[in-house]
N, C-alpha and C. Protein backbone atom coordinates (compact mmCIF):
# COMPACT_ATOMS: atom_id res chain seq x y z
N MET A 1 142.35 50.64 139.36
CA MET A 1 141.45 50.65 138.23
C MET A 1 142.19 50.83 136.91
N GLY A 2 143.46 51.13 136.95
CA GLY A 2 144.21 51.41 135.74
C GLY A 2 144.27 50.25 134.77
N GLY A 3 144.06 49.01 135.24
CA GLY A 3 144.15 47.85 134.38
C GLY A 3 142.84 47.44 133.74
N VAL A 4 141.82 48.24 133.92
CA VAL A 4 140.50 47.92 133.37
C VAL A 4 140.59 47.90 131.85
N GLU A 5 140.10 46.83 131.25
CA GLU A 5 140.16 46.70 129.80
C GLU A 5 138.80 46.89 129.14
N SER A 6 137.90 47.54 129.83
CA SER A 6 136.55 47.73 129.32
C SER A 6 136.24 49.21 129.19
N ALA A 7 135.25 49.48 128.39
CA ALA A 7 134.63 50.80 128.40
C ALA A 7 133.60 50.77 129.52
N VAL A 8 133.23 51.93 130.04
CA VAL A 8 132.29 52.00 131.14
C VAL A 8 131.20 53.00 130.79
N ALA A 9 129.96 52.60 131.01
CA ALA A 9 128.82 53.49 130.78
C ALA A 9 128.08 53.68 132.10
N PHE A 10 127.60 54.89 132.32
CA PHE A 10 126.87 55.22 133.55
C PHE A 10 125.43 55.54 133.22
N SER A 11 124.55 54.98 134.05
CA SER A 11 123.12 55.18 133.92
C SER A 11 122.57 55.47 135.30
N GLY A 12 121.40 56.04 135.36
CA GLY A 12 120.75 56.31 136.64
C GLY A 12 119.70 57.38 136.47
N ARG A 13 118.92 57.54 137.51
CA ARG A 13 117.87 58.55 137.48
C ARG A 13 118.47 59.95 137.43
N ILE A 14 117.66 60.87 137.00
CA ILE A 14 118.08 62.26 136.96
C ILE A 14 118.48 62.71 138.37
N LYS A 15 119.53 63.48 138.46
CA LYS A 15 120.05 64.01 139.72
C LYS A 15 120.64 62.93 140.63
N SER A 16 121.10 61.82 140.02
CA SER A 16 121.67 60.73 140.83
C SER A 16 123.16 60.90 141.08
N GLY A 17 123.82 61.78 140.34
CA GLY A 17 125.26 61.98 140.49
C GLY A 17 126.08 61.22 139.47
N LYS A 18 125.41 60.64 138.47
CA LYS A 18 126.13 59.82 137.48
C LYS A 18 127.15 60.61 136.67
N THR A 19 126.84 61.85 136.35
CA THR A 19 127.78 62.65 135.56
C THR A 19 129.03 62.96 136.38
N THR A 20 128.85 63.33 137.62
CA THR A 20 129.99 63.61 138.48
C THR A 20 130.87 62.38 138.61
N LEU A 21 130.26 61.25 138.84
CA LEU A 21 131.01 60.00 138.98
C LEU A 21 131.70 59.62 137.66
N ALA A 22 130.98 59.73 136.55
CA ALA A 22 131.55 59.36 135.25
C ALA A 22 132.74 60.25 134.89
N ARG A 23 132.63 61.54 135.14
CA ARG A 23 133.75 62.45 134.87
C ARG A 23 134.98 62.07 135.70
N ARG A 24 134.74 61.73 136.95
CA ARG A 24 135.86 61.36 137.83
C ARG A 24 136.54 60.08 137.34
N VAL A 25 135.74 59.10 136.94
CA VAL A 25 136.30 57.84 136.44
C VAL A 25 137.10 58.10 135.16
N ALA A 26 136.56 58.90 134.26
CA ALA A 26 137.27 59.22 133.02
C ALA A 26 138.60 59.91 133.32
N THR A 27 138.59 60.82 134.25
CA THR A 27 139.82 61.52 134.64
C THR A 27 140.82 60.56 135.25
N GLU A 28 140.37 59.74 136.18
CA GLU A 28 141.26 58.80 136.87
C GLU A 28 141.88 57.78 135.92
N LEU A 29 141.11 57.36 134.91
CA LEU A 29 141.59 56.37 133.96
C LEU A 29 142.20 57.00 132.71
N SER A 30 142.20 58.31 132.64
CA SER A 30 142.71 59.04 131.46
C SER A 30 142.04 58.55 130.18
N LEU A 31 140.72 58.47 130.23
CA LEU A 31 139.93 58.02 129.09
C LEU A 31 139.05 59.15 128.57
N PRO A 32 138.69 59.09 127.30
CA PRO A 32 137.74 60.08 126.78
C PRO A 32 136.42 60.00 127.54
N PHE A 33 135.78 61.13 127.72
CA PHE A 33 134.49 61.23 128.41
C PHE A 33 133.43 61.60 127.39
N ALA A 34 132.54 60.65 127.10
CA ALA A 34 131.45 60.87 126.15
C ALA A 34 130.16 61.06 126.94
N SER A 35 129.52 62.18 126.75
CA SER A 35 128.32 62.49 127.53
C SER A 35 127.15 62.83 126.62
N PHE A 36 126.10 62.04 126.77
CA PHE A 36 124.88 62.35 126.01
C PHE A 36 124.35 63.72 126.41
N GLY A 37 124.40 64.02 127.71
CA GLY A 37 123.92 65.32 128.19
C GLY A 37 124.72 66.48 127.65
N ASP A 38 126.06 66.35 127.68
CA ASP A 38 126.90 67.42 127.14
C ASP A 38 126.66 67.62 125.65
N PHE A 39 126.53 66.51 124.93
CA PHE A 39 126.29 66.60 123.49
C PHE A 39 124.97 67.33 123.20
N VAL A 40 123.92 66.92 123.91
CA VAL A 40 122.61 67.55 123.68
C VAL A 40 122.63 69.01 124.09
N ARG A 41 123.30 69.34 125.20
CA ARG A 41 123.42 70.75 125.60
C ARG A 41 124.12 71.56 124.51
N GLY A 42 125.19 71.03 123.96
CA GLY A 42 125.90 71.72 122.89
C GLY A 42 125.04 71.93 121.66
N GLU A 43 124.31 70.91 121.28
CA GLU A 43 123.42 71.03 120.12
C GLU A 43 122.29 72.02 120.38
N THR A 44 121.78 72.01 121.59
CA THR A 44 120.70 72.93 121.97
C THR A 44 121.19 74.37 121.90
N GLU A 45 122.38 74.59 122.45
CA GLU A 45 122.97 75.93 122.43
C GLU A 45 123.24 76.39 121.00
N SER A 46 123.72 75.47 120.15
CA SER A 46 124.01 75.85 118.76
C SER A 46 122.75 76.22 117.98
N ARG A 47 121.60 75.77 118.46
CA ARG A 47 120.32 76.13 117.83
C ARG A 47 119.76 77.43 118.39
N GLY A 48 120.46 78.01 119.35
CA GLY A 48 119.99 79.26 119.94
C GLY A 48 118.90 79.05 120.98
N LEU A 49 118.77 77.82 121.48
CA LEU A 49 117.75 77.51 122.48
C LEU A 49 118.35 77.57 123.87
N ASP A 50 117.49 77.64 124.86
CA ASP A 50 117.92 77.73 126.26
C ASP A 50 118.39 76.37 126.76
N CYS A 51 119.71 76.21 126.85
CA CYS A 51 120.25 74.92 127.26
C CYS A 51 120.20 74.73 128.77
N SER A 52 119.68 75.69 129.51
CA SER A 52 119.50 75.51 130.95
C SER A 52 118.10 74.97 131.26
N ASP A 53 117.25 74.88 130.26
CA ASP A 53 115.88 74.38 130.44
C ASP A 53 115.85 72.89 130.12
N ARG A 54 115.68 72.07 131.15
CA ARG A 54 115.74 70.63 130.98
C ARG A 54 114.67 70.11 130.02
N VAL A 55 113.50 70.71 130.01
CA VAL A 55 112.44 70.27 129.10
C VAL A 55 112.86 70.48 127.65
N ILE A 56 113.52 71.59 127.37
CA ILE A 56 114.03 71.83 126.01
C ILE A 56 115.12 70.81 125.69
N LEU A 57 116.02 70.56 126.63
CA LEU A 57 117.07 69.55 126.43
C LEU A 57 116.46 68.18 126.13
N GLN A 58 115.44 67.82 126.87
CA GLN A 58 114.79 66.53 126.64
C GLN A 58 114.18 66.46 125.25
N SER A 59 113.60 67.54 124.82
CA SER A 59 112.99 67.58 123.48
C SER A 59 114.06 67.40 122.39
N VAL A 60 115.18 68.09 122.53
CA VAL A 60 116.26 67.97 121.56
C VAL A 60 116.84 66.55 121.60
N GLY A 61 117.04 66.02 122.79
CA GLY A 61 117.54 64.65 122.93
C GLY A 61 116.61 63.64 122.27
N GLN A 62 115.32 63.83 122.45
CA GLN A 62 114.35 62.92 121.84
C GLN A 62 114.40 63.01 120.32
N GLU A 63 114.66 64.19 119.78
CA GLU A 63 114.81 64.33 118.32
C GLU A 63 115.94 63.44 117.82
N PHE A 64 117.06 63.42 118.55
CA PHE A 64 118.19 62.58 118.15
C PHE A 64 117.84 61.10 118.23
N ILE A 65 117.14 60.69 119.28
CA ILE A 65 116.71 59.29 119.42
C ILE A 65 115.79 58.93 118.25
N ASP A 66 114.83 59.81 117.97
CA ASP A 66 113.86 59.55 116.90
C ASP A 66 114.54 59.47 115.53
N ALA A 67 115.62 60.21 115.34
CA ALA A 67 116.33 60.22 114.06
C ALA A 67 117.21 58.99 113.88
N GLY A 68 117.44 58.25 114.96
CA GLY A 68 118.22 57.02 114.86
C GLY A 68 119.22 56.88 116.00
N VAL A 69 119.14 55.77 116.69
CA VAL A 69 120.00 55.54 117.85
C VAL A 69 121.47 55.43 117.44
N LYS A 70 121.74 54.71 116.36
CA LYS A 70 123.13 54.53 115.94
C LYS A 70 123.81 55.86 115.60
N PRO A 71 123.19 56.71 114.76
CA PRO A 71 123.83 57.99 114.47
C PRO A 71 124.03 58.85 115.72
N PHE A 72 123.06 58.80 116.63
CA PHE A 72 123.15 59.58 117.86
C PHE A 72 124.34 59.10 118.70
N CYS A 73 124.43 57.80 118.90
CA CYS A 73 125.54 57.24 119.68
C CYS A 73 126.88 57.55 119.02
N THR A 74 126.94 57.43 117.72
CA THR A 74 128.18 57.70 116.99
C THR A 74 128.59 59.15 117.16
N LYS A 75 127.65 60.07 117.07
CA LYS A 75 127.96 61.49 117.24
C LYS A 75 128.47 61.78 118.64
N VAL A 76 127.86 61.18 119.64
CA VAL A 76 128.29 61.41 121.03
C VAL A 76 129.70 60.87 121.24
N LEU A 77 129.97 59.67 120.75
CA LEU A 77 131.32 59.10 120.89
C LEU A 77 132.35 59.94 120.14
N ASN A 78 132.02 60.33 118.93
CA ASN A 78 132.96 61.13 118.12
C ASN A 78 133.23 62.49 118.75
N ALA A 79 132.21 63.09 119.35
CA ALA A 79 132.39 64.39 120.00
C ALA A 79 133.37 64.31 121.16
N ALA A 80 133.51 63.12 121.73
CA ALA A 80 134.43 62.91 122.86
C ALA A 80 135.85 62.60 122.38
N GLY A 81 136.04 62.46 121.09
CA GLY A 81 137.36 62.11 120.57
C GLY A 81 137.65 60.62 120.65
N TRP A 82 136.63 59.82 120.79
CA TRP A 82 136.77 58.36 120.85
C TRP A 82 137.19 57.84 119.48
N THR A 83 138.04 56.82 119.49
CA THR A 83 138.42 56.15 118.25
C THR A 83 138.03 54.69 118.35
N PRO A 84 137.57 54.08 117.26
CA PRO A 84 137.16 52.67 117.30
C PRO A 84 138.27 51.78 117.87
N GLY A 85 137.84 50.86 118.70
CA GLY A 85 138.76 49.93 119.32
C GLY A 85 139.36 50.42 120.63
N SER A 86 139.02 51.64 121.02
CA SER A 86 139.57 52.19 122.26
C SER A 86 138.50 52.25 123.34
N ARG A 87 138.96 52.43 124.56
CA ARG A 87 138.06 52.52 125.70
C ARG A 87 137.54 53.95 125.86
N VAL A 88 136.43 54.06 126.56
CA VAL A 88 135.78 55.35 126.75
C VAL A 88 134.88 55.24 127.99
N VAL A 89 134.61 56.37 128.61
CA VAL A 89 133.61 56.45 129.68
C VAL A 89 132.42 57.19 129.10
N VAL A 90 131.25 56.59 129.20
CA VAL A 90 130.03 57.15 128.61
C VAL A 90 129.06 57.52 129.72
N ASP A 91 128.57 58.73 129.68
CA ASP A 91 127.63 59.22 130.68
C ASP A 91 126.25 59.40 130.07
N GLY A 92 125.24 59.00 130.82
CA GLY A 92 123.87 59.32 130.45
C GLY A 92 123.15 58.30 129.60
N VAL A 93 123.44 57.02 129.79
CA VAL A 93 122.75 55.98 129.04
C VAL A 93 121.35 55.83 129.63
N ARG A 94 120.34 56.10 128.83
CA ARG A 94 118.95 56.12 129.31
C ARG A 94 118.08 55.01 128.73
N HIS A 95 118.47 54.47 127.60
CA HIS A 95 117.62 53.51 126.89
C HIS A 95 118.38 52.23 126.62
N ILE A 96 117.67 51.11 126.67
CA ILE A 96 118.29 49.82 126.38
C ILE A 96 118.81 49.80 124.94
N ASP A 97 118.12 50.46 124.02
CA ASP A 97 118.58 50.51 122.63
C ASP A 97 119.91 51.26 122.52
N VAL A 98 120.10 52.28 123.33
CA VAL A 98 121.36 53.02 123.34
C VAL A 98 122.46 52.11 123.87
N LEU A 99 122.18 51.38 124.94
CA LEU A 99 123.17 50.46 125.50
C LEU A 99 123.58 49.42 124.46
N ARG A 100 122.62 48.83 123.80
CA ARG A 100 122.92 47.82 122.78
C ARG A 100 123.74 48.41 121.63
N GLU A 101 123.39 49.59 121.21
CA GLU A 101 124.13 50.22 120.11
C GLU A 101 125.56 50.55 120.53
N LEU A 102 125.72 51.04 121.75
CA LEU A 102 127.07 51.31 122.25
C LEU A 102 127.90 50.03 122.29
N GLN A 103 127.29 48.93 122.72
CA GLN A 103 128.01 47.66 122.76
C GLN A 103 128.50 47.28 121.36
N GLU A 104 127.67 47.49 120.36
CA GLU A 104 128.07 47.17 118.99
C GLU A 104 129.15 48.12 118.48
N LEU A 105 128.99 49.40 118.73
CA LEU A 105 129.97 50.38 118.25
C LEU A 105 131.33 50.21 118.92
N LEU A 106 131.33 49.84 120.18
CA LEU A 106 132.58 49.71 120.93
C LEU A 106 133.28 48.37 120.72
N PHE A 107 132.56 47.37 120.23
CA PHE A 107 133.14 46.04 120.02
C PHE A 107 134.44 46.16 119.23
N PRO A 108 135.50 45.49 119.62
CA PRO A 108 135.60 44.36 120.55
C PRO A 108 135.84 44.74 122.01
N VAL A 109 135.84 46.03 122.31
CA VAL A 109 136.00 46.46 123.71
C VAL A 109 134.69 46.21 124.44
N PRO A 110 134.72 45.42 125.52
CA PRO A 110 133.48 45.17 126.26
C PRO A 110 133.02 46.43 126.99
N LEU A 111 131.72 46.55 127.13
CA LEU A 111 131.13 47.70 127.81
C LEU A 111 130.51 47.25 129.12
N LYS A 112 130.90 47.87 130.20
CA LYS A 112 130.34 47.60 131.52
C LYS A 112 129.40 48.74 131.86
N LEU A 113 128.20 48.40 132.31
CA LEU A 113 127.20 49.39 132.69
C LEU A 113 127.18 49.53 134.21
N VAL A 114 127.26 50.77 134.67
CA VAL A 114 127.17 51.08 136.10
C VAL A 114 125.89 51.88 136.30
N TYR A 115 125.00 51.35 137.14
CA TYR A 115 123.77 52.07 137.47
C TYR A 115 124.01 52.81 138.78
N VAL A 116 123.86 54.11 138.76
CA VAL A 116 124.06 54.93 139.95
C VAL A 116 122.71 55.14 140.61
N GLN A 117 122.60 54.62 141.81
CA GLN A 117 121.34 54.72 142.54
C GLN A 117 121.45 55.79 143.61
N VAL A 118 120.41 56.53 143.78
CA VAL A 118 120.36 57.59 144.78
C VAL A 118 119.04 57.46 145.53
N SER A 119 119.07 57.80 146.80
CA SER A 119 117.83 57.72 147.59
C SER A 119 116.85 58.78 147.10
N ASP A 120 115.57 58.52 147.34
CA ASP A 120 114.55 59.50 146.97
C ASP A 120 114.78 60.83 147.67
N ALA A 121 115.21 60.78 148.93
CA ALA A 121 115.43 62.01 149.69
C ALA A 121 116.57 62.83 149.09
N THR A 122 117.66 62.17 148.72
CA THR A 122 118.80 62.87 148.12
C THR A 122 118.40 63.46 146.77
N GLN A 123 117.70 62.67 145.98
CA GLN A 123 117.27 63.16 144.68
C GLN A 123 116.34 64.37 144.85
N ALA A 124 115.41 64.28 145.79
CA ALA A 124 114.47 65.38 146.04
C ALA A 124 115.22 66.65 146.45
N SER A 125 116.23 66.50 147.31
CA SER A 125 116.98 67.69 147.74
C SER A 125 117.76 68.29 146.58
N ARG A 126 118.25 67.46 145.68
CA ARG A 126 118.97 67.98 144.51
C ARG A 126 118.03 68.70 143.56
N PHE A 127 116.81 68.19 143.43
CA PHE A 127 115.81 68.89 142.62
C PHE A 127 115.45 70.22 143.26
N THR A 128 115.26 70.21 144.57
CA THR A 128 114.86 71.42 145.29
C THR A 128 115.90 72.51 145.16
N SER A 129 117.17 72.13 145.12
CA SER A 129 118.24 73.12 145.04
C SER A 129 118.47 73.64 143.62
N SER A 130 117.69 73.16 142.67
CA SER A 130 117.85 73.63 141.29
C SER A 130 116.52 74.13 140.74
N ASP A 131 116.59 74.86 139.66
CA ASP A 131 115.38 75.39 139.04
C ASP A 131 114.46 74.29 138.52
N THR A 132 115.03 73.12 138.24
CA THR A 132 114.22 72.04 137.67
C THR A 132 113.23 71.47 138.68
N GLY A 133 113.42 71.77 139.96
CA GLY A 133 112.54 71.24 141.00
C GLY A 133 111.09 71.61 140.81
N LYS A 134 110.85 72.74 140.19
CA LYS A 134 109.48 73.20 139.98
C LYS A 134 108.72 72.31 139.00
N ARG A 135 109.45 71.59 138.15
CA ARG A 135 108.81 70.76 137.13
C ARG A 135 109.27 69.31 137.23
N ARG A 136 109.56 68.85 138.43
CA ARG A 136 110.13 67.52 138.64
C ARG A 136 109.31 66.42 137.99
N THR A 137 108.01 66.39 138.23
CA THR A 137 107.16 65.33 137.69
C THR A 137 107.21 65.32 136.17
N GLU A 138 107.09 66.49 135.57
CA GLU A 138 107.15 66.61 134.11
C GLU A 138 108.49 66.10 133.58
N ILE A 139 109.56 66.49 134.22
CA ILE A 139 110.91 66.13 133.77
C ILE A 139 111.15 64.63 133.92
N GLU A 140 110.80 64.08 135.07
CA GLU A 140 111.05 62.66 135.32
C GLU A 140 110.20 61.74 134.45
N SER A 141 109.04 62.20 134.01
CA SER A 141 108.17 61.34 133.22
C SER A 141 108.42 61.41 131.72
N HIS A 142 109.32 62.30 131.28
CA HIS A 142 109.64 62.44 129.86
C HIS A 142 110.29 61.16 129.34
N ALA A 143 110.03 60.84 128.09
CA ALA A 143 110.55 59.61 127.48
C ALA A 143 112.06 59.52 127.54
N THR A 144 112.77 60.63 127.55
CA THR A 144 114.24 60.58 127.61
C THR A 144 114.75 60.13 128.98
N GLU A 145 113.89 60.14 129.98
CA GLU A 145 114.29 59.76 131.33
C GLU A 145 113.90 58.32 131.66
N THR A 146 113.27 57.63 130.73
CA THR A 146 112.86 56.26 130.99
C THR A 146 113.87 55.31 130.40
N SER A 147 113.87 54.10 130.89
CA SER A 147 114.85 53.11 130.44
C SER A 147 114.28 52.14 129.42
N GLU A 148 113.22 52.49 128.78
CA GLU A 148 112.60 51.58 127.80
C GLU A 148 113.28 51.67 126.46
């Protein structure tokens, strides 16, 4: 994989393992790791809010989307130490508008999207083993979890 000349973005349902996979790819390729989730957690924590509460995280993430996709994407890339024209691994692409904006920001480096799929049973067991399992329906139906 060392000869890959593209940036890579990971997408998938909540609890699919995309972050684990994206971190591993970034490490293996020695590339910056840009994570929408990490960025939002950091911003949530800096506001003094509970960054372990996924509903709060979703609300903060939606604020960034509502304020503008381009500034949000730029902040996430910059937080990872990405420089224009270089490759990066991006975790947590949830919206087609985010994907399009990343493609523009990363140009001329092509962006490859990897969708991480997980079985319903595996996802359910991951929800069950975490505190978020109690609010699974609420969490999965939030606008930040949809691909529109």
